[in-house]
Structure formats: structure tokens, C-alpha cells
Amino acid sequence: MQRHFAKTIEELKGLIKEWSAFSADAPVVLLAVSGGIDSMCMAELFNSLEEPVPFALAHCNFRLRGEESDGDEALVSDWARTHSVPLHITSFDTEKYASDNAISIEMAARELRYGWFADLCSQHGYKAVAVAHNANDNAETFLLNLLRGSVLKGVTGMSVISPLPCAPGSDAVLLRPLLKCTRKQIEGYMLAHRVKYREDSTNASSEYKRNRIRNTMI
């Protein structure tokens, strides 16, 4: 999996023209790390590259799960400190934002985090944000869009590289370096390398549409 990840990063370097001009000492990519198995795996893989890619971490506390959310933040903070990686942390009143804007909690969290990522890229010069979407997530997105009745473009799934969502005018791009990796591969890597991660208790609930697809269809 490490070799496959390194190959994906090399391919992405070729797609981002500015990449070769980045300073070797300045973070190039901002990793969105929740503390869950996928994002912690992504952080470990970036940290293990033989040809290092300077990166920083960004963690959002959406204040939706009380002490569990705080535990996620503590894990990410500890990992960043242990590996001497720059870390950005913020928290949101997600429920209030959703209520004020008459949108779902899922959409509120999406708008809040990507808006913040865009701000961090602007402030610190990051040119890319990496998220840990994997092959299973892509299948879920395909089915979700299909059920919504999306047009052809909407049911093609996610791309390895795309514009940063919810951030009009941002020069940063969104990277999905784990998109071709399955959840079983990720689980195997984490077990083999004994990497700590947090399990989101809401994943077992089918309250949200994506969870219903994951828990009942996939």
C-alpha cells in the first residue's frame, strides 16, 4: 500500500504545475485529519514517504459528539506533536450554523470545514488540501448521487484531484490520494503498523443518508 500511495503522489505532482517550485522546508499540502481510521492512515502514509512531501494537519471539532469529539482532537494533537508536524485546530457550532442557514448538519459541516481549509491555504500558502476519501467512499457517493437523480456528471463519483469545494475563488485544489484504496487495505495497513485511530460512534447509525447507504446497501 505504501508503494501504491507513493506512486499516486508522484502522479499528483505531475498534475500540479506549481509543486516543483515549493520550498522543501515549507508545508506543501494541508491534510484534513479527523482522527478516524482513513485520515490517520493518510497522515501515516504521508509521513512515511521516502521522498518527503512537507505537510501540515488541519482538524475540525464540530462539537457534535461531546467528549468523543474532544478525544478525536486530542489524538490528532498528540500525533502531530509526536511527529513534529504543524497543526491547525478549530471548532464550530455546527448545529447553530445549520439552523441559521436552514441546511442539514452534513451540509453545514461540509461548508464550515472547506471554508476554513480555503482560509488556511490563503493564509499559509498551501496549494492543496488532501482528504482521505477511499474506494468505498467513492462507491457510496456514486450510489448517493444516483438516488438523488443526478445527471451523468453527478454519478461518475469522485476524482483524485478536483477544485476545492465551497471555496469559490480559491487557488487550492482538493486531493484524494487514497481514492483507489479499499477500506480493507486501510484496515490492514493500520493493523500492521499499529497506528491509533478513533471510531466515530455515529457511523453505526443510519440517520444520515450516506450512513444508510453504507450500512444497508454496501
Protein backbone atom coordinates (compact mmCIF):
# COMPACT_ATOMS: atom_id res chain seq x y z
CA MET A 1 0.00 0.00 0.00
CA GLN A 2 2.91 2.34 0.76
CA ARG A 3 4.31 1.86 -2.77
CA HIS A 4 0.90 2.43 -4.33
CA PHE A 5 0.47 5.61 -2.28
CA ALA A 6 3.92 6.89 -3.28
CA LYS A 7 3.07 6.29 -6.95
CA THR A 8 -0.19 8.22 -6.54
CA ILE A 9 1.67 11.17 -5.00
CA GLU A 10 4.16 11.17 -7.89
CA GLU A 11 1.27 11.26 -10.35
CA LEU A 12 -0.33 14.16 -8.46
CA LYS A 13 2.95 16.08 -8.52
CA GLY A 14 2.82 15.93 -12.28
CA LEU A 15 -0.69 17.38 -12.30
CA ILE A 16 0.12 20.36 -10.06
CA LYS A 17 2.40 22.67 -12.02
CA GLU A 18 3.48 24.72 -9.01
CA TRP A 19 4.54 21.68 -6.98
CA SER A 20 8.21 21.69 -8.05
CA ALA A 21 8.53 25.36 -7.11
CA PHE A 22 7.55 24.81 -3.46
CA SER A 23 10.23 25.20 -0.80
CA ALA A 24 11.44 21.90 0.65
CA ASP A 25 11.03 23.37 4.13
CA ALA A 26 7.52 24.78 3.78
CA PRO A 27 4.41 22.59 4.00
CA VAL A 28 3.00 21.89 0.56
CA VAL A 29 -0.19 20.03 1.41
CA LEU A 30 -2.74 20.54 4.15
CA LEU A 31 -4.09 17.18 5.39
CA ALA A 32 -7.65 17.14 6.71
CA VAL A 33 -7.41 14.73 9.66
CA SER A 34 -10.43 13.83 11.77
CA GLY A 35 -8.78 11.16 13.89
CA GLY A 36 -10.67 8.35 12.15
CA ILE A 37 -9.03 5.34 10.52
CA ASP A 38 -8.92 6.77 6.97
CA SER A 39 -7.40 10.16 7.76
CA MET A 40 -4.92 8.74 10.31
CA CYS A 41 -3.82 6.24 7.67
CA MET A 42 -3.32 9.12 5.20
CA ALA A 43 -1.22 11.03 7.72
CA GLU A 44 0.95 7.96 8.37
CA LEU A 45 1.43 7.36 4.66
CA PHE A 46 2.47 10.97 4.02
CA ASN A 47 4.86 10.77 6.95
CA SER A 48 6.40 7.54 5.60
CA LEU A 49 7.16 8.74 2.05
CA GLU A 50 10.77 8.07 1.04
CA GLU A 51 10.73 11.34 -0.90
CA PRO A 52 9.13 13.62 1.73
CA VAL A 53 6.31 15.97 0.87
CA PRO A 54 6.15 18.71 3.53
CA PHE A 55 2.67 18.82 5.01
CA ALA A 56 0.58 20.24 7.83
CA LEU A 57 -2.56 18.94 9.54
CA ALA A 58 -5.97 20.57 9.96
CA HIS A 59 -8.52 19.24 12.45
CA CYS A 60 -12.11 20.42 12.86
CA ASN A 61 -14.03 19.87 16.09
CA PHE A 62 -17.68 20.15 15.08
CA ARG A 63 -18.85 19.94 18.72
CA LEU A 64 -21.45 17.32 17.82
CA ARG A 65 -20.33 14.37 19.97
CA GLY A 66 -19.22 15.95 23.24
CA GLU A 67 -16.28 14.17 24.89
CA GLU A 68 -15.91 11.90 21.87
CA SER A 69 -15.16 14.91 19.65
CA ASP A 70 -12.65 16.18 22.20
CA GLY A 71 -10.99 12.76 22.20
CA ASP A 72 -10.58 12.95 18.42
CA GLU A 73 -8.90 16.34 18.77
CA ALA A 74 -6.57 15.03 21.48
CA LEU A 75 -5.47 12.09 19.32
CA VAL A 76 -4.70 14.28 16.30
CA SER A 77 -2.85 16.78 18.51
CA ASP A 78 -0.75 14.01 20.04
CA TRP A 79 0.13 12.58 16.61
CA ALA A 80 1.15 15.99 15.28
CA ARG A 81 3.29 16.68 18.35
CA THR A 82 4.96 13.25 18.21
CA HIS A 83 5.83 13.64 14.53
CA SER A 84 6.69 17.38 14.72
CA VAL A 85 4.07 18.29 12.13
CA PRO A 86 2.38 21.74 12.07
CA LEU A 87 -1.22 21.54 13.24
CA HIS A 88 -4.24 23.82 12.84
CA ILE A 89 -7.29 23.22 15.02
CA THR A 90 -10.66 24.95 15.08
CA SER A 91 -14.12 24.26 16.47
CA PHE A 92 -17.55 25.12 15.12
CA ASP A 93 -21.06 25.46 16.50
CA THR A 94 -22.27 23.25 13.69
CA GLU A 95 -25.85 22.89 14.89
CA LYS A 96 -26.32 26.66 15.10
CA TYR A 97 -24.81 27.16 11.64
CA ALA A 98 -27.14 24.53 10.20
CA SER A 99 -30.17 26.11 11.89
CA ASP A 100 -29.25 29.67 10.87
CA ASN A 101 -28.79 28.61 7.24
CA ALA A 102 -31.65 26.09 7.08
CA ILE A 103 -29.40 23.26 5.92
CA SER A 104 -28.60 19.76 7.15
CA ILE A 105 -25.88 19.03 9.70
CA GLU A 106 -23.95 17.20 6.96
CA MET A 107 -24.03 20.20 4.64
CA ALA A 108 -23.21 22.59 7.48
CA ALA A 109 -20.12 20.58 8.42
CA ARG A 110 -19.05 20.46 4.77
CA GLU A 111 -19.38 24.21 4.25
CA LEU A 112 -17.65 25.04 7.53
CA ARG A 113 -14.65 22.77 7.04
CA TYR A 114 -13.95 23.56 3.41
CA GLY A 115 -14.36 27.28 4.01
CA TRP A 116 -11.80 27.02 6.82
CA PHE A 117 -9.43 24.94 4.69
CA ALA A 118 -9.57 27.61 1.98
CA ASP A 119 -8.75 30.30 4.55
CA LEU A 120 -5.76 28.30 5.82
CA CYS A 121 -4.49 27.83 2.26
CA SER A 122 -4.74 31.56 1.65
CA GLN A 123 -3.03 32.47 4.94
CA HIS A 124 -0.21 29.92 4.85
CA GLY A 125 0.36 29.34 1.14
CA TYR A 126 -0.86 25.75 0.93
CA LYS A 127 -1.73 24.86 -2.64
CA ALA A 128 -3.60 21.64 -1.94
CA VAL A 129 -5.87 20.07 0.67
CA ALA A 130 -5.75 16.28 0.99
CA VAL A 131 -8.75 14.33 2.26
CA ALA A 132 -8.92 10.60 2.98
CA HIS A 133 -11.79 9.53 0.74
CA ASN A 134 -11.26 5.90 -0.31
CA ALA A 135 -12.74 3.49 -2.86
CA ASN A 136 -15.60 2.59 -0.52
CA ASP A 137 -16.48 6.27 -0.10
CA ASN A 138 -16.46 6.64 -3.88
CA ALA A 139 -18.94 3.81 -4.26
CA GLU A 140 -21.18 5.40 -1.62
CA THR A 141 -21.00 8.78 -3.41
CA PHE A 142 -21.92 7.15 -6.71
CA LEU A 143 -24.99 5.47 -5.18
CA LEU A 144 -25.96 8.62 -3.26
CA ASN A 145 -25.87 10.72 -6.43
CA LEU A 146 -27.75 8.04 -8.33
CA LEU A 147 -30.53 8.02 -5.74
CA ARG A 148 -30.69 11.82 -5.90
CA GLY A 149 -31.31 11.60 -9.63
CA SER A 150 -28.10 13.43 -10.56
CA VAL A 151 -27.23 13.93 -14.21
CA LEU A 152 -24.41 11.90 -15.78
CA LYS A 153 -21.63 14.12 -14.41
CA GLY A 154 -23.01 13.74 -10.90
CA VAL A 155 -22.98 9.94 -10.94
CA THR A 156 -19.40 9.49 -12.07
CA GLY A 157 -18.10 9.55 -8.48
CA MET A 158 -15.15 11.47 -7.09
CA SER A 159 -11.85 12.38 -8.76
CA VAL A 160 -8.33 12.10 -7.37
CA ILE A 161 -7.90 15.83 -7.94
CA SER A 162 -10.63 18.48 -8.15
CA PRO A 163 -11.36 22.11 -7.23
CA LEU A 164 -11.73 22.83 -3.51
CA PRO A 165 -15.47 22.64 -2.66
CA CYS A 166 -17.38 25.51 -1.06
CA ALA A 167 -14.48 27.85 -1.77
CA PRO A 168 -15.16 29.96 -4.88
CA GLY A 169 -12.09 31.86 -5.97
CA SER A 170 -9.63 29.65 -4.08
CA ASP A 171 -6.49 28.62 -5.96
CA ALA A 172 -6.10 25.49 -3.83
CA VAL A 173 -7.05 22.08 -5.17
CA LEU A 174 -8.53 19.07 -3.41
CA LEU A 175 -6.53 15.82 -3.43
CA ARG A 176 -7.85 12.33 -2.70
CA PRO A 177 -4.67 10.19 -2.59
CA LEU A 178 -6.48 7.17 -1.06
CA LEU A 179 -9.28 7.06 -3.61
CA LYS A 180 -8.08 3.80 -5.17
CA CYS A 181 -7.53 2.11 -1.80
CA THR A 182 -10.24 -0.02 -0.23
CA ARG A 183 -11.27 0.09 3.41
CA LYS A 184 -9.85 -3.43 3.91
CA GLN A 185 -6.45 -2.27 2.64
CA ILE A 186 -6.56 0.69 5.01
CA GLU A 187 -7.54 -1.52 7.94
CA GLY A 188 -4.72 -3.92 7.08
CA TYR A 189 -2.15 -1.11 6.94
CA MET A 190 -3.25 0.35 10.25
CA LEU A 191 -3.18 -3.04 11.96
CA ALA A 192 0.26 -3.89 10.58
CA HIS A 193 1.72 -0.55 11.68
CA ARG A 194 -0.20 -0.36 14.97
CA VAL A 195 -1.46 3.15 14.33
CA LYS A 196 -4.00 4.55 16.76
CA TYR A 197 -7.28 5.97 15.48
CA ARG A 198 -10.73 6.86 16.74
CA GLU A 199 -14.02 5.23 15.80
CA ASP A 200 -16.91 7.66 15.23
CA SER A 201 -19.90 6.17 17.09
CA THR A 202 -22.32 7.84 14.64
CA ASN A 203 -21.01 5.60 11.83
CA ALA A 204 -23.18 2.80 13.22
CA SER A 205 -26.28 4.99 12.93
CA SER A 206 -28.30 5.16 9.72
CA GLU A 207 -29.69 8.62 10.50
CA TYR A 208 -27.66 10.23 7.72
CA LYS A 209 -28.15 9.28 4.05
CA ARG A 210 -24.54 8.25 3.47
CA ASN A 211 -24.61 6.04 6.55
CA ARG A 212 -27.82 4.37 5.37
CA ILE A 213 -26.16 3.52 2.06
CA ARG A 214 -23.03 2.23 3.83
CA ASN A 215 -24.88 0.20 6.45
CA THR A 216 -27.72 -1.22 4.37
CA MET A 217 -26.64 -1.30 0.71
CA ILE A 218 -22.86 -1.74 0.82
